[in-house]
Amino acid sequence: MATLFTTVSSKGQIVIPAEIRQELGIHAGTKIAIEREDNHLVLQPVTDQFIRSLRGYAKGATSLIEAREREHRIEK
C-alpha cells in the first residue's frame, strides 16, 4: 500500500482514510489502541477479530483458577 498522509487538527484528531477504515472494519465508535514504538505510533483497531487474536496471550504455566483452587486447599 502506498503511504497516505493526514493532518492533525487543533484538537489532536486525525482522519483515517476511508480505504483503510473499510479494509480494517473501522466504523464510527470503533475503539483504537495506540502504542508507541520508539519514534512510531502504532494504531490497532479494537475489533472482534483483534480481541480473538489475544486469546491465550497472557496464559502462564498454570491457570489462575488452578492457583486459586490450590490455595483454597492449602487454607483448609
PDB file of N, CA and C in Angstrom:
ATOM      1  N   MET A   1       0.838  -1.180   0.000  1.00  0.00           N
ATOM      2  CA  MET A   1       0.000   0.000   0.000  1.00  0.00           C
ATOM      3  C   MET A   1       0.883   1.244   0.000  1.00  0.00           C
ATOM      4  N   ALA A   2       0.467   2.226  -0.724  1.00  0.00           N
ATOM      5  CA  ALA A   2       1.206   3.486  -0.794  1.00  0.00           C
ATOM      6  C   ALA A   2       1.050   4.251   0.515  1.00  0.00           C
ATOM      7  N   THR A   3       1.997   5.093   0.822  1.00  0.00           N
ATOM      8  CA  THR A   3       1.923   5.914   2.024  1.00  0.00           C
ATOM      9  C   THR A   3       0.832   6.954   1.853  1.00  0.00           C
ATOM     10  N   LEU A   4      -0.026   7.053   2.854  1.00  0.00           N
ATOM     11  CA  LEU A   4      -1.087   8.055   2.845  1.00  0.00           C
ATOM     12  C   LEU A   4      -0.784   9.070   3.937  1.00  0.00           C
ATOM     13  N   PHE A   5      -1.214  10.277   3.742  1.00  0.00           N
ATOM     14  CA  PHE A   5      -0.950  11.343   4.702  1.00  0.00           C
ATOM     15  C   PHE A   5      -2.249  11.926   5.218  1.00  0.00           C
ATOM     16  N   THR A   6      -2.213  12.374   6.461  1.00  0.00           N
ATOM     17  CA  THR A   6      -3.331  13.069   7.075  1.00  0.00           C
ATOM     18  C   THR A   6      -2.759  14.176   7.939  1.00  0.00           C
ATOM     19  N   THR A   7      -3.603  15.050   8.433  1.00  0.00           N
ATOM     20  CA  THR A   7      -3.154  16.189   9.226  1.00  0.00           C
ATOM     21  C   THR A   7      -3.796  16.137  10.601  1.00  0.00           C
ATOM     22  N   VAL A   8      -3.046  16.497  11.617  1.00  0.00           N
ATOM     23  CA  VAL A   8      -3.577  16.554  12.973  1.00  0.00           C
ATOM     24  C   VAL A   8      -4.327  17.871  13.139  1.00  0.00           C
ATOM     25  N   SER A   9      -5.561  17.788  13.672  1.00  0.00           N
ATOM     26  CA  SER A   9      -6.362  19.001  13.876  1.00  0.00           C
ATOM     27  C   SER A   9      -5.899  19.723  15.139  1.00  0.00           C
ATOM     28  N   SER A  10      -6.455  20.896  15.373  1.00  0.00           N
ATOM     29  CA  SER A  10      -6.105  21.659  16.576  1.00  0.00           C
ATOM     30  C   SER A  10      -6.540  20.926  17.843  1.00  0.00           C
ATOM     31  N   LYS A  11      -7.478  19.973  17.723  1.00  0.00           N
ATOM     32  CA  LYS A  11      -7.934  19.177  18.866  1.00  0.00           C
ATOM     33  C   LYS A  11      -7.143  17.874  19.001  1.00  0.00           C
ATOM     34  N   GLY A  12      -6.123  17.679  18.162  1.00  0.00           N
ATOM     35  CA  GLY A  12      -5.308  16.471  18.223  1.00  0.00           C
ATOM     36  C   GLY A  12      -5.934  15.292  17.499  1.00  0.00           C
ATOM     37  N   GLN A  13      -6.934  15.541  16.665  1.00  0.00           N
ATOM     38  CA  GLN A  13      -7.624  14.479  15.946  1.00  0.00           C
ATOM     39  C   GLN A  13      -7.001  14.253  14.576  1.00  0.00           C
ATOM     40  N   ILE A  14      -7.097  13.000  14.100  1.00  0.00           N
ATOM     41  CA  ILE A  14      -6.665  12.685  12.740  1.00  0.00           C
ATOM     42  C   ILE A  14      -7.799  11.959  12.031  1.00  0.00           C
ATOM     43  N   VAL A  15      -7.758  11.974  10.721  1.00  0.00           N
ATOM     44  CA  VAL A  15      -8.737  11.248   9.910  1.00  0.00           C
ATOM     45  C   VAL A  15      -8.023  10.052   9.302  1.00  0.00           C
ATOM     46  N   ILE A  16      -8.579   8.863   9.538  1.00  0.00           N
ATOM     47  CA  ILE A  16      -8.049   7.646   8.919  1.00  0.00           C
ATOM     48  C   ILE A  16      -8.725   7.537   7.557  1.00  0.00           C
ATOM     49  N   PRO A  17      -7.953   7.459   6.476  1.00  0.00           N
ATOM     50  CA  PRO A  17      -8.554   7.420   5.145  1.00  0.00           C
ATOM     51  C   PRO A  17      -9.604   6.311   5.002  1.00  0.00           C
ATOM     52  N   ALA A  18     -10.666   6.595   4.240  1.00  0.00           N
ATOM     53  CA  ALA A  18     -11.796   5.682   4.077  1.00  0.00           C
ATOM     54  C   ALA A  18     -11.359   4.298   3.602  1.00  0.00           C
ATOM     55  N   GLU A  19     -10.414   4.238   2.689  1.00  0.00           N
ATOM     56  CA  GLU A  19      -9.939   2.955   2.157  1.00  0.00           C
ATOM     57  C   GLU A  19      -9.410   2.061   3.284  1.00  0.00           C
ATOM     58  N   ILE A  20      -8.637   2.644   4.196  1.00  0.00           N
ATOM     59  CA  ILE A  20      -8.061   1.882   5.309  1.00  0.00           C
ATOM     60  C   ILE A  20      -9.156   1.492   6.291  1.00  0.00           C
ATOM     61  N   ARG A  21     -10.086   2.423   6.585  1.00  0.00           N
ATOM     62  CA  ARG A  21     -11.193   2.105   7.505  1.00  0.00           C
ATOM     63  C   ARG A  21     -12.006   0.931   6.979  1.00  0.00           C
ATOM     64  N   GLN A  22     -12.287   0.913   5.701  1.00  0.00           N
ATOM     65  CA  GLN A  22     -13.076  -0.176   5.118  1.00  0.00           C
ATOM     66  C   GLN A  22     -12.324  -1.495   5.195  1.00  0.00           C
ATOM     67  N   GLU A  23     -11.048  -1.491   4.854  1.00  0.00           N
ATOM     68  CA  GLU A  23     -10.241  -2.714   4.865  1.00  0.00           C
ATOM     69  C   GLU A  23     -10.125  -3.312   6.262  1.00  0.00           C
ATOM     70  N   LEU A  24     -10.047  -2.452   7.289  1.00  0.00           N
ATOM     71  CA  LEU A  24      -9.840  -2.921   8.653  1.00  0.00           C
ATOM     72  C   LEU A  24     -11.131  -3.024   9.463  1.00  0.00           C
ATOM     73  N   GLY A  25     -12.264  -2.705   8.852  1.00  0.00           N
ATOM     74  CA  GLY A  25     -13.543  -2.808   9.546  1.00  0.00           C
ATOM     75  C   GLY A  25     -13.724  -1.769  10.638  1.00  0.00           C
ATOM     76  N   ILE A  26     -13.177  -0.581  10.426  1.00  0.00           N
ATOM     77  CA  ILE A  26     -13.304   0.503  11.399  1.00  0.00           C
ATOM     78  C   ILE A  26     -14.558   1.301  11.064  1.00  0.00           C
ATOM     79  N   HIS A  27     -15.444   1.409  12.056  1.00  0.00           N
ATOM     80  CA  HIS A  27     -16.692   2.154  11.892  1.00  0.00           C
ATOM     81  C   HIS A  27     -16.774   3.195  12.997  1.00  0.00           C
ATOM     82  N   ALA A  28     -17.770   4.083  12.920  1.00  0.00           N
ATOM     83  CA  ALA A  28     -17.981   5.069  13.978  1.00  0.00           C
ATOM     84  C   ALA A  28     -18.113   4.334  15.297  1.00  0.00           C
ATOM     85  N   GLY A  29     -17.370   4.754  16.302  1.00  0.00           N
ATOM     86  CA  GLY A  29     -17.426   4.143  17.616  1.00  0.00           C
ATOM     87  C   GLY A  29     -16.395   3.048  17.851  1.00  0.00           C
ATOM     88  N   THR A  30     -15.656   2.632  16.808  1.00  0.00           N
ATOM     89  CA  THR A  30     -14.624   1.614  16.983  1.00  0.00           C
ATOM     90  C   THR A  30     -13.508   2.174  17.855  1.00  0.00           C
ATOM     91  N   LYS A  31     -13.131   1.439  18.884  1.00  0.00           N
ATOM     92  CA  LYS A  31     -12.018   1.856  19.742  1.00  0.00           C
ATOM     93  C   LYS A  31     -10.706   1.574  19.007  1.00  0.00           C
ATOM     94  N   ILE A  32      -9.718   2.428  19.231  1.00  0.00           N
ATOM     95  CA  ILE A  32      -8.407   2.290  18.619  1.00  0.00           C
ATOM     96  C   ILE A  32      -7.363   2.261  19.728  1.00  0.00           C
ATOM     97  N   ALA A  33      -6.559   1.194  19.772  1.00  0.00           N
ATOM     98  CA  ALA A  33      -5.451   1.115  20.726  1.00  0.00           C
ATOM     99  C   ALA A  33      -4.248   1.814  20.092  1.00  0.00           C
ATOM    100  N   ILE A  34      -3.561   2.619  20.875  1.00  0.00           N
ATOM    101  CA  ILE A  34      -2.396   3.354  20.382  1.00  0.00           C
ATOM    102  C   ILE A  34      -1.177   2.932  21.186  1.00  0.00           C
ATOM    103  N   GLU A  35      -0.141   2.496  20.497  1.00  0.00           N
ATOM    104  CA  GLU A  35       1.118   2.130  21.137  1.00  0.00           C
ATOM    105  C   GLU A  35       2.237   2.974  20.545  1.00  0.00           C
ATOM    106  N   ARG A  36       3.204   3.263  21.377  1.00  0.00           N
ATOM    107  CA  ARG A  36       4.390   3.970  20.894  1.00  0.00           C
ATOM    108  C   ARG A  36       5.525   2.981  20.811  1.00  0.00           C
ATOM    109  N   GLU A  37       6.127   2.860  19.662  1.00  0.00           N
ATOM    110  CA  GLU A  37       7.301   2.016  19.457  1.00  0.00           C
ATOM    111  C   GLU A  37       8.420   2.923  18.967  1.00  0.00           C
ATOM    112  N   ASP A  38       9.302   3.245  19.897  1.00  0.00           N
ATOM    113  CA  ASP A  38      10.380   4.199  19.624  1.00  0.00           C
ATOM    114  C   ASP A  38       9.791   5.506  19.115  1.00  0.00           C
ATOM    115  N   ASN A  39      10.033   5.812  17.864  1.00  0.00           N
ATOM    116  CA  ASN A  39       9.584   7.082  17.290  1.00  0.00           C
ATOM    117  C   ASN A  39       8.348   6.910  16.405  1.00  0.00           C
ATOM    118  N   HIS A  40       7.620   5.792  16.582  1.00  0.00           N
ATOM    119  CA  HIS A  40       6.466   5.488  15.740  1.00  0.00           C
ATOM    120  C   HIS A  40       5.213   5.319  16.592  1.00  0.00           C
ATOM    121  N   LEU A  41       4.070   5.647  16.019  1.00  0.00           N
ATOM    122  CA  LEU A  41       2.788   5.358  16.642  1.00  0.00           C
ATOM    123  C   LEU A  41       2.174   4.184  15.904  1.00  0.00           C
ATOM    124  N   VAL A  42       1.670   3.214  16.650  1.00  0.00           N
ATOM    125  CA  VAL A  42       1.010   2.062  16.054  1.00  0.00           C
ATOM    126  C   VAL A  42      -0.455   2.126  16.471  1.00  0.00           C
ATOM    127  N   LEU A  43      -1.339   2.210  15.487  1.00  0.00           N
ATOM    128  CA  LEU A  43      -2.773   2.256  15.751  1.00  0.00           C
ATOM    129  C   LEU A  43      -3.351   0.883  15.467  1.00  0.00           C
ATOM    130  N   GLN A  44      -4.101   0.324  16.433  1.00  0.00           N
ATOM    131  CA  GLN A  44      -4.696  -1.007  16.285  1.00  0.00           C
ATOM    132  C   GLN A  44      -6.185  -0.897  16.576  1.00  0.00           C
ATOM    133  N   PRO A  45      -7.041  -1.122  15.572  1.00  0.00           N
ATOM    134  CA  PRO A  45      -8.473  -1.095  15.858  1.00  0.00           C
ATOM    135  C   PRO A  45      -8.845  -2.247  16.785  1.00  0.00           C
ATOM    136  N   VAL A  46      -9.631  -1.957  17.807  1.00  0.00           N
ATOM    137  CA  VAL A  46     -10.054  -2.982  18.758  1.00  0.00           C
ATOM    138  C   VAL A  46     -11.383  -3.551  18.246  1.00  0.00           C
ATOM    139  N   THR A  47     -11.258  -4.524  17.363  1.00  0.00           N
ATOM    140  CA  THR A  47     -12.417  -5.175  16.763  1.00  0.00           C
ATOM    141  C   THR A  47     -12.555  -6.576  17.358  1.00  0.00           C
ATOM    142  N   ASP A  48     -13.638  -7.273  17.028  1.00  0.00           N
ATOM    143  CA  ASP A  48     -13.820  -8.652  17.493  1.00  0.00           C
ATOM    144  C   ASP A  48     -12.646  -9.515  17.065  1.00  0.00           C
ATOM    145  N   GLN A  49     -12.169  -9.307  15.847  1.00  0.00           N
ATOM    146  CA  GLN A  49     -11.029 -10.084  15.338  1.00  0.00           C
ATOM    147  C   GLN A  49      -9.785  -9.839  16.195  1.00  0.00           C
ATOM    148  N   PHE A  50      -9.542  -8.595  16.564  1.00  0.00           N
ATOM    149  CA  PHE A  50      -8.385  -8.252  17.401  1.00  0.00           C
ATOM    150  C   PHE A  50      -8.510  -8.916  18.772  1.00  0.00           C
ATOM    151  N   ILE A  51      -9.696  -8.854  19.364  1.00  0.00           N
ATOM    152  CA  ILE A  51      -9.909  -9.448  20.682  1.00  0.00           C
ATOM    153  C   ILE A  51      -9.705 -10.958  20.620  1.00  0.00           C
ATOM    154  N   ARG A  52     -10.209 -11.614  19.575  1.00  0.00           N
ATOM    155  CA  ARG A  52      -9.997 -13.055  19.429  1.00  0.00           C
ATOM    156  C   ARG A  52      -8.517 -13.380  19.301  1.00  0.00           C
ATOM    157  N   SER A  53      -7.757 -12.502  18.655  1.00  0.00           N
ATOM    158  CA  SER A  53      -6.326 -12.755  18.471  1.00  0.00           C
ATOM    159  C   SER A  53      -5.560 -12.717  19.794  1.00  0.00           C
ATOM    160  N   LEU A  54      -6.138 -12.113  20.821  1.00  0.00           N
ATOM    161  CA  LEU A  54      -5.479 -12.003  22.122  1.00  0.00           C
ATOM    162  C   LEU A  54      -5.723 -13.215  23.009  1.00  0.00           C
ATOM    163  N   ARG A  55      -6.609 -14.111  22.620  1.00  0.00           N
ATOM    164  CA  ARG A  55      -6.910 -15.273  23.452  1.00  0.00           C
ATOM    165  C   ARG A  55      -5.640 -16.069  23.738  1.00  0.00           C
ATOM    166  N   GLY A  56      -5.399 -16.333  25.003  1.00  0.00           N
ATOM    167  CA  GLY A  56      -4.230 -17.098  25.409  1.00  0.00           C
ATOM    168  C   GLY A  56      -2.949 -16.280  25.463  1.00  0.00           C
ATOM    169  N   TYR A  57      -3.023 -15.003  25.162  1.00  0.00           N
ATOM    170  CA  TYR A  57      -1.846 -14.143  25.106  1.00  0.00           C
ATOM    171  C   TYR A  57      -1.110 -14.087  26.436  1.00  0.00           C
ATOM    172  N   ALA A  58      -1.858 -14.010  27.529  1.00  0.00           N
ATOM    173  CA  ALA A  58      -1.234 -13.857  28.844  1.00  0.00           C
ATOM    174  C   ALA A  58      -1.233 -15.166  29.626  1.00  0.00           C
ATOM    175  N   LYS A  59      -1.442 -16.261  28.945  1.00  0.00           N
ATOM    176  CA  LYS A  59      -1.515 -17.545  29.623  1.00  0.00           C
ATOM    177  C   LYS A  59      -0.149 -17.908  30.192  1.00  0.00           C
ATOM    178  N   GLY A  60      -0.165 -18.300  31.435  1.00  0.00           N
ATOM    179  CA  GLY A  60       1.067 -18.695  32.106  1.00  0.00           C
ATOM    180  C   GLY A  60       1.161 -20.203  32.195  1.00  0.00           C
ATOM    181  N   ALA A  61       2.104 -20.662  32.990  1.00  0.00           N
ATOM    182  CA  ALA A  61       2.306 -22.095  33.154  1.00  0.00           C
ATOM    183  C   ALA A  61       1.106 -22.745  33.832  1.00  0.00           C
ATOM    184  N   THR A  62       0.472 -22.025  34.771  1.00  0.00           N
ATOM    185  CA  THR A  62      -0.731 -22.540  35.425  1.00  0.00           C
ATOM    186  C   THR A  62      -1.826 -21.499  35.291  1.00  0.00           C
ATOM    187  N   SER A  63      -3.058 -21.972  35.300  1.00  0.00           N
ATOM    188  CA  SER A  63      -4.171 -21.038  35.195  1.00  0.00           C
ATOM    189  C   SER A  63      -4.449 -20.405  36.557  1.00  0.00           C
ATOM    190  N   LEU A  64      -5.104 -19.261  36.539  1.00  0.00           N
ATOM    191  CA  LEU A  64      -5.449 -18.587  37.789  1.00  0.00           C
ATOM    192  C   LEU A  64      -6.454 -19.413  38.585  1.00  0.00           C
ATOM    193  N   ILE A  65      -7.332 -20.106  37.868  1.00  0.00           N
ATOM    194  CA  ILE A  65      -8.313 -20.950  38.548  1.00  0.00           C
ATOM    195  C   ILE A  65      -7.603 -22.066  39.307  1.00  0.00           C
ATOM    196  N   GLU A  66      -6.637 -22.726  38.667  1.00  0.00           N
ATOM    197  CA  GLU A  66      -5.889 -23.789  39.335  1.00  0.00           C
ATOM    198  C   GLU A  66      -5.142 -23.246  40.545  1.00  0.00           C
ATOM    199  N   ALA A  67      -4.532 -22.087  40.418  1.00  0.00           N
ATOM    200  CA  ALA A  67      -3.791 -21.482  41.525  1.00  0.00           C
ATOM    201  C   ALA A  67      -4.728 -21.155  42.681  1.00  0.00           C
ATOM    202  N   ARG A  68      -5.900 -20.623  42.371  1.00  0.00           N
ATOM    203  CA  ARG A  68      -6.879 -20.298  43.414  1.00  0.00           C
ATOM    204  C   ARG A  68      -7.347 -21.562  44.125  1.00  0.00           C
ATOM    205  N   GLU A  69      -7.641 -22.613  43.359  1.00  0.00           N
ATOM    206  CA  GLU A  69      -8.084 -23.874  43.955  1.00  0.00           C
ATOM    207  C   GLU A  69      -6.992 -24.481  44.836  1.00  0.00           C
ATOM    208  N   ARG A  70      -5.741 -24.382  44.414  1.00  0.00           N
ATOM    209  CA  ARG A  70      -4.618 -24.913  45.187  1.00  0.00           C
ATOM    210  C   ARG A  70      -4.499 -24.140  46.515  1.00  0.00           C
ATOM    211  N   GLU A  71      -4.608 -22.814  46.458  1.00  0.00           N
ATOM    212  CA  GLU A  71      -4.549 -22.003  47.680  1.00  0.00           C
ATOM    213  C   GLU A  71      -5.711 -22.331  48.607  1.00  0.00           C
ATOM    214  N   HIS A  72      -6.886 -22.567  48.026  1.00  0.00           N
ATOM    215  CA  HIS A  72      -8.049 -22.904  48.819  1.00  0.00           C
ATOM    216  C   HIS A  72      -7.851 -24.227  49.558  1.00  0.00           C
ATOM    217  N   ARG A  73      -7.263 -25.209  48.882  1.00  0.00           N
ATOM    218  CA  ARG A  73      -6.982 -26.497  49.511  1.00  0.00           C
ATOM    219  C   ARG A  73      -5.958 -26.343  50.644  1.00  0.00           C
ATOM    220  N   ILE A  74      -4.962 -25.512  50.435  1.00  0.00           N
ATOM    221  CA  ILE A  74      -3.923 -25.277  51.445  1.00  0.00           C
ATOM    222  C   ILE A  74      -4.526 -24.621  52.677  1.00  0.00           C
ATOM    223  N   GLU A  75      -5.445 -23.671  52.479  1.00  0.00           N
ATOM    224  CA  GLU A  75      -6.057 -22.960  53.588  1.00  0.00           C
ATOM    225  C   GLU A  75      -6.925 -23.873  54.451  1.00  0.00           C
ATOM    226  N   LYS A  76      -7.501 -24.907  53.842  1.00  0.00           N
ATOM    227  CA  LYS A  76      -8.337 -25.847  54.602  1.00  0.00           C
ATOM    228  C   LYS A  76      -7.451 -26.634  55.513  1.00  0.00           C
TER     229      LYS A  76
END
